[in-house]
Amino acid sequence: MCKVNLLVLGEQKCGTTALKYNLNKHPDINFIIRELHIFDTNNSTNIYNRFIKSNTKYNGEGTPIYFYQPDCISKILKYNPDMKFLVILRDPVKRFVSSHNMFIEKGIEKDILEETINKQIQQYHNNIIVSKKFIDGSARHYLLRGFYIDQINYLLQFINRDNLHIIISEKLWTTPQKELEELYQFLDIPYFELEYEQKHERKYKKTISVDMENKLKDIYSKTNKQLEDFLSIKLPWL
């Protein structure tokens, strides 16, 4: 039986939906656009069966919490040890603000942006342990979810580096054909030119002050540098 063999792990508010939507245009890829939350809940992988196509090289799914919640990785590999992984990342400061705005609009987040930034930075400096369990609100771990290199290093404890491809959102938005070509090479599929379309792009009302932005830039400076070294590129947000 065919299985899902390509996962977009995350990160939240980095363009995961657009990535799935656009890759779904390739004749060798069948992406489930919905976030099915198979591996961070008790949902059965049998749900995949209604979406899988047998005539494509890749059947894909993507739920951003998979990248952040550590329990997901072992469940994913138990389902398919040969899984290929895509991770898409953007400026962690902008990701923080975008995610916070989203939850404000949904009525889930009550604290204003400045309060949230100060509170989460204080928790981080005081080494307060927060649960990464989805039911405990890890979707709103705005600060911790921006320490991308920590999540990458954790993932690589379980998978081969050759099965992971990392995309920088800002590079995908500015030079989509170049980034897609590298992605096709990773997946070993023919080049397929497509017009990259944005999805779920929003203009949020609340923006970040210069002072708050600098606070976040400072706290992310170390892990941003580690990510640059790991990828051997210059990150566009630095």
Foldseek 3Di string as FASTA:
>chain_A
DDAAAEEAQDAPPQFPLLVQVFVCPDPQEFEDSDAPCVQLDVHDSVVCVVRDDPPHNHYYYYDHLNLVALSRLVVVCVRPVNHAYEYEEEDLLVQLVVLQLVCVVVVNDDDDPVVLLVVLVVCVVVVPDDHSRVVRPVSNNSQVSSLNVVSVVSNVVRHPPLRYDYHYSVCCVVPVLVRVVVVCVSVVHDRDDDDRDGDPDDDGPDDDDPVSSVVSCVVNVVSQVVVCVVVVHDRPVD
